[in-house]
Amino acid sequence: MTTTVDPPAEAVARDPHWAAKMARLRARKLPERRVSFTDDQALRQAVTGAALGLAKARNAALNRALAQDVPEEQREEWVQTQPDVLAADSSLAGANTALEEGTIRLTMRGLPRPLWEQLLTEHPPTEEQADRGHEYNVLTFPAALISATSVDGMSVGEAQELLDTWGDADAKALFTAALLVNQTGRADLGKG
């Protein structure tokens, strides 16, 4: 059960919009971060190649527009309607669609502070890890954090399986996404 406390009278006097401000603060959503994994590098290369093809087609069309004295205010529309530009744009759209279909995206959502602290408490560092400055058990905490922050419903066992079987870079990217969503500030602490 949540209890509310009225703000001090002097705070209300300084800011007559206190209730509205608190309502906005209470309505803030926890931050989210997406992490993407693509196994087929050819899909990425196809997008890059198609983007380059579109740039070349647009440049060629622009040169033709200049040669044909297309007025400057009509040039962009003219370029966009050229068959080679349309074909290159379609090719890029197809490559982007294929990349989208070949990409796995996971979403991590930050934890409320009490849950974050509970997770740290449940996975304390070993004596040796604490001596090295770790605030959590580096063997058990990553999978637990990934599972706790996973919007997709990944279990601790599934997270541990990925951490154990993936390459170091991908495993670190997964854990880092879960960690950053809980440790990246969204407040501006500058002068008010």
C-alpha atoms as a PDB file:
ATOM      1  CA  MET A   1       0.000   0.000   0.000  1.00  0.00           C
ATOM      2  CA  THR A   2       1.334   3.400  -0.994  1.00  0.00           C
ATOM      3  CA  THR A   3       0.912   6.351   1.312  1.00  0.00           C
ATOM      4  CA  THR A   4       0.984   9.893   0.075  1.00  0.00           C
ATOM      5  CA  VAL A   5       2.382  12.782   2.030  1.00  0.00           C
ATOM      6  CA  ASP A   6       1.320  16.354   1.409  1.00  0.00           C
ATOM      7  CA  PRO A   7       4.228  18.544   0.334  1.00  0.00           C
ATOM      8  CA  PRO A   8       5.503  21.124   2.786  1.00  0.00           C
ATOM      9  CA  ALA A   9       3.524  24.368   2.755  1.00  0.00           C
ATOM     10  CA  GLU A  10       6.609  26.345   1.746  1.00  0.00           C
ATOM     11  CA  ALA A  11       7.080  24.108  -1.305  1.00  0.00           C
ATOM     12  CA  VAL A  12       3.476  24.685  -2.339  1.00  0.00           C
ATOM     13  CA  ALA A  13       3.895  28.426  -1.851  1.00  0.00           C
ATOM     14  CA  ARG A  14       7.033  28.415  -4.052  1.00  0.00           C
ATOM     15  CA  ASP A  15       5.398  26.274  -6.745  1.00  0.00           C
ATOM     16  CA  PRO A  16       1.626  26.561  -7.097  1.00  0.00           C
ATOM     17  CA  HIS A  17       1.698  23.750  -9.675  1.00  0.00           C
ATOM     18  CA  TRP A  18       3.113  21.176  -7.271  1.00  0.00           C
ATOM     19  CA  ALA A  19       0.295  18.643  -7.692  1.00  0.00           C
ATOM     20  CA  ALA A  20       0.621  18.731 -11.477  1.00  0.00           C
ATOM     21  CA  LYS A  21       4.380  18.364 -11.219  1.00  0.00           C
ATOM     22  CA  MET A  22       4.070  15.365  -8.893  1.00  0.00           C
ATOM     23  CA  ALA A  23       1.502  13.790 -11.190  1.00  0.00           C
ATOM     24  CA  ARG A  24       3.953  14.052 -14.079  1.00  0.00           C
ATOM     25  CA  LEU A  25       6.753  12.598 -11.969  1.00  0.00           C
ATOM     26  CA  ARG A  26       4.573   9.683 -10.865  1.00  0.00           C
ATOM     27  CA  ALA A  27       3.494   9.011 -14.456  1.00  0.00           C
ATOM     28  CA  ARG A  28       7.039   8.580 -15.762  1.00  0.00           C
ATOM     29  CA  LYS A  29       7.635   5.178 -17.285  1.00  0.00           C
ATOM     30  CA  LEU A  30      10.664   3.053 -16.575  1.00  0.00           C
ATOM     31  CA  PRO A  31      13.288   3.358 -19.318  1.00  0.00           C
ATOM     32  CA  GLU A  32      13.537   0.722 -22.017  1.00  0.00           C
ATOM     33  CA  ARG A  33      16.422  -0.316 -24.233  1.00  0.00           C
ATOM     34  CA  ARG A  34      16.379  -2.572 -27.250  1.00  0.00           C
ATOM     35  CA  VAL A  35      19.211  -4.826 -28.288  1.00  0.00           C
ATOM     36  CA  SER A  36      19.362  -6.413 -31.735  1.00  0.00           C
ATOM     37  CA  PHE A  37      21.144  -9.469 -33.042  1.00  0.00           C
ATOM     38  CA  THR A  38      21.614 -10.346 -36.720  1.00  0.00           C
ATOM     39  CA  ASP A  39      23.339 -13.596 -37.598  1.00  0.00           C
ATOM     40  CA  ASP A  40      23.428 -13.071 -41.372  1.00  0.00           C
ATOM     41  CA  GLN A  41      25.974 -10.357 -42.147  1.00  0.00           C
ATOM     42  CA  ALA A  42      25.017 -10.610 -45.827  1.00  0.00           C
ATOM     43  CA  LEU A  43      21.729  -8.936 -44.882  1.00  0.00           C
ATOM     44  CA  ARG A  44      23.614  -5.942 -43.473  1.00  0.00           C
ATOM     45  CA  GLN A  45      25.856  -5.821 -46.523  1.00  0.00           C
ATOM     46  CA  ALA A  46      22.807  -5.936 -48.806  1.00  0.00           C
ATOM     47  CA  VAL A  47      21.359  -2.869 -47.077  1.00  0.00           C
ATOM     48  CA  THR A  48      24.667  -1.029 -47.373  1.00  0.00           C
ATOM     49  CA  GLY A  49      24.965  -1.958 -51.035  1.00  0.00           C
ATOM     50  CA  ALA A  50      21.370  -0.963 -51.779  1.00  0.00           C
ATOM     51  CA  ALA A  51      21.829   2.374 -49.986  1.00  0.00           C
ATOM     52  CA  LEU A  52      24.931   3.026 -52.063  1.00  0.00           C
ATOM     53  CA  GLY A  53      23.004   2.053 -55.206  1.00  0.00           C
ATOM     54  CA  LEU A  54      20.249   4.528 -54.334  1.00  0.00           C
ATOM     55  CA  ALA A  55      22.788   7.298 -53.739  1.00  0.00           C
ATOM     56  CA  LYS A  56      24.393   6.600 -57.136  1.00  0.00           C
ATOM     57  CA  ALA A  57      21.009   6.509 -58.891  1.00  0.00           C
ATOM     58  CA  ARG A  58      19.975   9.790 -57.272  1.00  0.00           C
ATOM     59  CA  ASN A  59      23.286  11.414 -58.252  1.00  0.00           C
ATOM     60  CA  ALA A  60      22.932  10.220 -61.864  1.00  0.00           C
ATOM     61  CA  ALA A  61      19.323  11.464 -61.987  1.00  0.00           C
ATOM     62  CA  LEU A  62      20.369  14.809 -60.541  1.00  0.00           C
ATOM     63  CA  ASN A  63      23.048  15.137 -63.224  1.00  0.00           C
ATOM     64  CA  ARG A  64      20.417  14.346 -65.889  1.00  0.00           C
ATOM     65  CA  ALA A  65      18.085  16.946 -64.352  1.00  0.00           C
ATOM     66  CA  LEU A  66      20.826  19.552 -64.572  1.00  0.00           C
ATOM     67  CA  ALA A  67      21.606  18.566 -68.164  1.00  0.00           C
ATOM     68  CA  GLN A  68      17.913  18.829 -69.066  1.00  0.00           C
ATOM     69  CA  ASP A  69      17.551  22.197 -67.306  1.00  0.00           C
ATOM     70  CA  VAL A  70      14.898  20.964 -64.865  1.00  0.00           C
ATOM     71  CA  PRO A  71      14.083  24.010 -62.701  1.00  0.00           C
ATOM     72  CA  GLU A  72      15.647  23.875 -59.250  1.00  0.00           C
ATOM     73  CA  GLU A  73      12.304  23.959 -57.420  1.00  0.00           C
ATOM     74  CA  GLN A  74      11.141  20.879 -59.408  1.00  0.00           C
ATOM     75  CA  ARG A  75      14.400  18.972 -59.352  1.00  0.00           C
ATOM     76  CA  GLU A  76      13.874  16.856 -56.209  1.00  0.00           C
ATOM     77  CA  GLU A  77      10.439  15.682 -57.331  1.00  0.00           C
ATOM     78  CA  TRP A  78      11.820  14.950 -60.811  1.00  0.00           C
ATOM     79  CA  VAL A  79      14.717  12.913 -59.365  1.00  0.00           C
ATOM     80  CA  GLN A  80      12.352  10.887 -57.184  1.00  0.00           C
ATOM     81  CA  THR A  81      10.247   9.860 -60.198  1.00  0.00           C
ATOM     82  CA  GLN A  82      13.127   8.565 -62.322  1.00  0.00           C
ATOM     83  CA  PRO A  83      12.934   4.808 -63.074  1.00  0.00           C
ATOM     84  CA  ASP A  84      16.481   4.068 -61.885  1.00  0.00           C
ATOM     85  CA  VAL A  85      15.853   5.949 -58.620  1.00  0.00           C
ATOM     86  CA  LEU A  86      12.526   4.175 -58.105  1.00  0.00           C
ATOM     87  CA  ALA A  87      14.182   0.797 -58.743  1.00  0.00           C
ATOM     88  CA  ALA A  88      17.075   1.574 -56.364  1.00  0.00           C
ATOM     89  CA  ASP A  89      14.645   2.803 -53.706  1.00  0.00           C
ATOM     90  CA  SER A  90      12.629  -0.409 -54.065  1.00  0.00           C
ATOM     91  CA  SER A  91      15.815  -2.448 -53.797  1.00  0.00           C
ATOM     92  CA  LEU A  92      16.748  -0.640 -50.560  1.00  0.00           C
ATOM     93  CA  ALA A  93      13.248  -1.186 -49.144  1.00  0.00           C
ATOM     94  CA  GLY A  94      13.524  -4.908 -49.941  1.00  0.00           C
ATOM     95  CA  ALA A  95      16.962  -5.159 -48.345  1.00  0.00           C
ATOM     96  CA  ASN A  96      15.686  -3.349 -45.223  1.00  0.00           C
ATOM     97  CA  THR A  97      12.697  -5.704 -45.026  1.00  0.00           C
ATOM     98  CA  ALA A  98      14.975  -8.739 -45.276  1.00  0.00           C
ATOM     99  CA  LEU A  99      17.257  -7.308 -42.583  1.00  0.00           C
ATOM    100  CA  GLU A 100      14.265  -6.594 -40.347  1.00  0.00           C
ATOM    101  CA  GLU A 101      13.034 -10.178 -40.752  1.00  0.00           C
ATOM    102  CA  GLY A 102      16.506 -11.550 -40.058  1.00  0.00           C
ATOM    103  CA  THR A 103      17.061  -9.493 -36.911  1.00  0.00           C
ATOM    104  CA  ILE A 104      16.125 -10.624 -33.426  1.00  0.00           C
ATOM    105  CA  ARG A 105      15.231  -7.773 -31.094  1.00  0.00           C
ATOM    106  CA  LEU A 106      14.951  -7.990 -27.342  1.00  0.00           C
ATOM    107  CA  THR A 107      13.608  -5.247 -25.096  1.00  0.00           C
ATOM    108  CA  MET A 108      14.877  -4.567 -21.592  1.00  0.00           C
ATOM    109  CA  ARG A 109      12.965  -2.406 -19.099  1.00  0.00           C
ATOM    110  CA  GLY A 110      14.532  -0.803 -16.055  1.00  0.00           C
ATOM    111  CA  LEU A 111      13.606  -2.100 -12.631  1.00  0.00           C
ATOM    112  CA  PRO A 112      12.114  -0.026  -9.834  1.00  0.00           C
ATOM    113  CA  ARG A 113      14.873   0.733  -7.299  1.00  0.00           C
ATOM    114  CA  PRO A 114      13.608  -1.709  -4.621  1.00  0.00           C
ATOM    115  CA  LEU A 115      13.655  -4.581  -7.138  1.00  0.00           C
ATOM    116  CA  TRP A 116      17.135  -3.590  -8.330  1.00  0.00           C
ATOM    117  CA  GLU A 117      18.404  -3.579  -4.750  1.00  0.00           C
ATOM    118  CA  GLN A 118      16.706  -6.916  -4.036  1.00  0.00           C
ATOM    119  CA  LEU A 119      18.411  -8.441  -7.068  1.00  0.00           C
ATOM    120  CA  LEU A 120      21.780  -7.156  -5.864  1.00  0.00           C
ATOM    121  CA  THR A 121      21.070  -8.603  -2.415  1.00  0.00           C
ATOM    122  CA  GLU A 122      20.145 -11.981  -3.897  1.00  0.00           C
ATOM    123  CA  HIS A 123      23.414 -12.129  -5.888  1.00  0.00           C
ATOM    124  CA  PRO A 124      26.148 -10.782  -3.602  1.00  0.00           C
ATOM    125  CA  PRO A 125      29.738 -10.978  -4.795  1.00  0.00           C
ATOM    126  CA  THR A 126      31.978 -13.724  -3.528  1.00  0.00           C
ATOM    127  CA  GLU A 127      34.757 -12.599  -1.217  1.00  0.00           C
ATOM    128  CA  GLU A 128      37.209 -12.638  -4.111  1.00  0.00           C
ATOM    129  CA  GLN A 129      34.805 -10.699  -6.358  1.00  0.00           C
ATOM    130  CA  ALA A 130      34.213  -8.128  -3.608  1.00  0.00           C
ATOM    131  CA  ASP A 131      37.982  -7.723  -3.231  1.00  0.00           C
ATOM    132  CA  ARG A 132      38.068  -6.900  -6.955  1.00  0.00           C
ATOM    133  CA  GLY A 133      35.409  -4.219  -6.471  1.00  0.00           C
ATOM    134  CA  HIS A 134      32.368  -6.059  -7.859  1.00  0.00           C
ATOM    135  CA  GLU A 135      29.005  -5.193  -6.319  1.00  0.00           C
ATOM    136  CA  TYR A 136      27.353  -8.444  -7.472  1.00  0.00           C
ATOM    137  CA  ASN A 137      28.206 -12.066  -8.210  1.00  0.00           C
ATOM    138  CA  VAL A 138      29.536 -11.973 -11.761  1.00  0.00           C
ATOM    139  CA  LEU A 139      28.515 -15.603 -12.326  1.00  0.00           C
ATOM    140  CA  THR A 140      24.853 -15.429 -11.259  1.00  0.00           C
ATOM    141  CA  PHE A 141      23.778 -11.788 -11.466  1.00  0.00           C
ATOM    142  CA  PRO A 142      23.941 -11.262 -15.271  1.00  0.00           C
ATOM    143  CA  ALA A 143      21.361 -13.959 -16.122  1.00  0.00           C
ATOM    144  CA  ALA A 144      19.129 -12.889 -13.238  1.00  0.00           C
ATOM    145  CA  LEU A 145      19.256  -9.254 -14.364  1.00  0.00           C
ATOM    146  CA  ILE A 146      18.574 -10.117 -17.998  1.00  0.00           C
ATOM    147  CA  SER A 147      15.571 -12.178 -16.957  1.00  0.00           C
ATOM    148  CA  ALA A 148      14.260  -9.513 -14.576  1.00  0.00           C
ATOM    149  CA  THR A 149      14.502  -6.742 -17.166  1.00  0.00           C
ATOM    150  CA  SER A 150      13.335  -8.776 -20.171  1.00  0.00           C
ATOM    151  CA  VAL A 151      10.060  -7.462 -21.544  1.00  0.00           C
ATOM    152  CA  ASP A 152      10.000 -10.553 -23.771  1.00  0.00           C
ATOM    153  CA  GLY A 153       9.772 -12.940 -20.810  1.00  0.00           C
ATOM    154  CA  MET A 154      13.202 -14.564 -20.932  1.00  0.00           C
ATOM    155  CA  SER A 155      13.761 -16.905 -17.985  1.00  0.00           C
ATOM    156  CA  VAL A 156      16.930 -16.984 -15.894  1.00  0.00           C
ATOM    157  CA  GLY A 157      17.762 -20.380 -17.382  1.00  0.00           C
ATOM    158  CA  GLU A 158      17.328 -19.112 -20.940  1.00  0.00           C
ATOM    159  CA  ALA A 159      19.446 -16.054 -20.201  1.00  0.00           C
ATOM    160  CA  GLN A 160      22.178 -18.206 -18.666  1.00  0.00           C
ATOM    161  CA  GLU A 161      22.072 -20.535 -21.683  1.00  0.00           C
ATOM    162  CA  LEU A 162      22.647 -17.589 -24.045  1.00  0.00           C
ATOM    163  CA  LEU A 163      25.422 -16.162 -21.888  1.00  0.00           C
ATOM    164  CA  ASP A 164      27.112 -19.574 -21.823  1.00  0.00           C
ATOM    165  CA  THR A 165      26.753 -20.434 -25.513  1.00  0.00           C
ATOM    166  CA  TRP A 166      27.062 -17.111 -27.321  1.00  0.00           C
ATOM    167  CA  GLY A 167      30.322 -15.445 -28.202  1.00  0.00           C
ATOM    168  CA  ASP A 168      31.730 -12.907 -25.780  1.00  0.00           C
ATOM    169  CA  ALA A 169      30.670  -9.822 -27.776  1.00  0.00           C
ATOM    170  CA  ASP A 170      27.015 -10.891 -28.091  1.00  0.00           C
ATOM    171  CA  ALA A 171      26.819 -12.073 -24.477  1.00  0.00           C
ATOM    172  CA  LYS A 172      28.248  -8.744 -23.304  1.00  0.00           C
ATOM    173  CA  ALA A 173      25.818  -6.817 -25.540  1.00  0.00           C
ATOM    174  CA  LEU A 174      22.871  -8.665 -23.971  1.00  0.00           C
ATOM    175  CA  PHE A 175      24.051  -8.097 -20.394  1.00  0.00           C
ATOM    176  CA  THR A 176      25.044  -4.488 -21.105  1.00  0.00           C
ATOM    177  CA  ALA A 177      21.564  -3.696 -22.428  1.00  0.00           C
ATOM    178  CA  ALA A 178      20.037  -5.017 -19.191  1.00  0.00           C
ATOM    179  CA  LEU A 179      22.605  -3.180 -17.071  1.00  0.00           C
ATOM    180  CA  LEU A 180      22.408   0.174 -18.867  1.00  0.00           C
ATOM    181  CA  VAL A 181      18.631   0.373 -18.700  1.00  0.00           C
ATOM    182  CA  ASN A 182      19.050   0.340 -14.913  1.00  0.00           C
ATOM    183  CA  GLN A 183      22.117   2.545 -14.583  1.00  0.00           C
ATOM    184  CA  THR A 184      21.742   5.272 -17.183  1.00  0.00           C
ATOM    185  CA  GLY A 185      20.323   8.425 -15.693  1.00  0.00           C
ATOM    186  CA  ARG A 186      17.576  10.439 -17.321  1.00  0.00           C
ATOM    187  CA  ALA A 187      17.847  13.481 -15.096  1.00  0.00           C
ATOM    188  CA  ASP A 188      19.458  16.800 -15.896  1.00  0.00           C
ATOM    189  CA  LEU A 189      21.198  17.917 -12.737  1.00  0.00           C
ATOM    190  CA  GLY A 190      22.363  21.253 -14.114  1.00  0.00           C
ATOM    191  CA  LYS A 191      21.440  24.682 -12.817  1.00  0.00           C
ATOM    192  CA  GLY A 192      17.695  25.327 -12.727  1.00  0.00           C
END
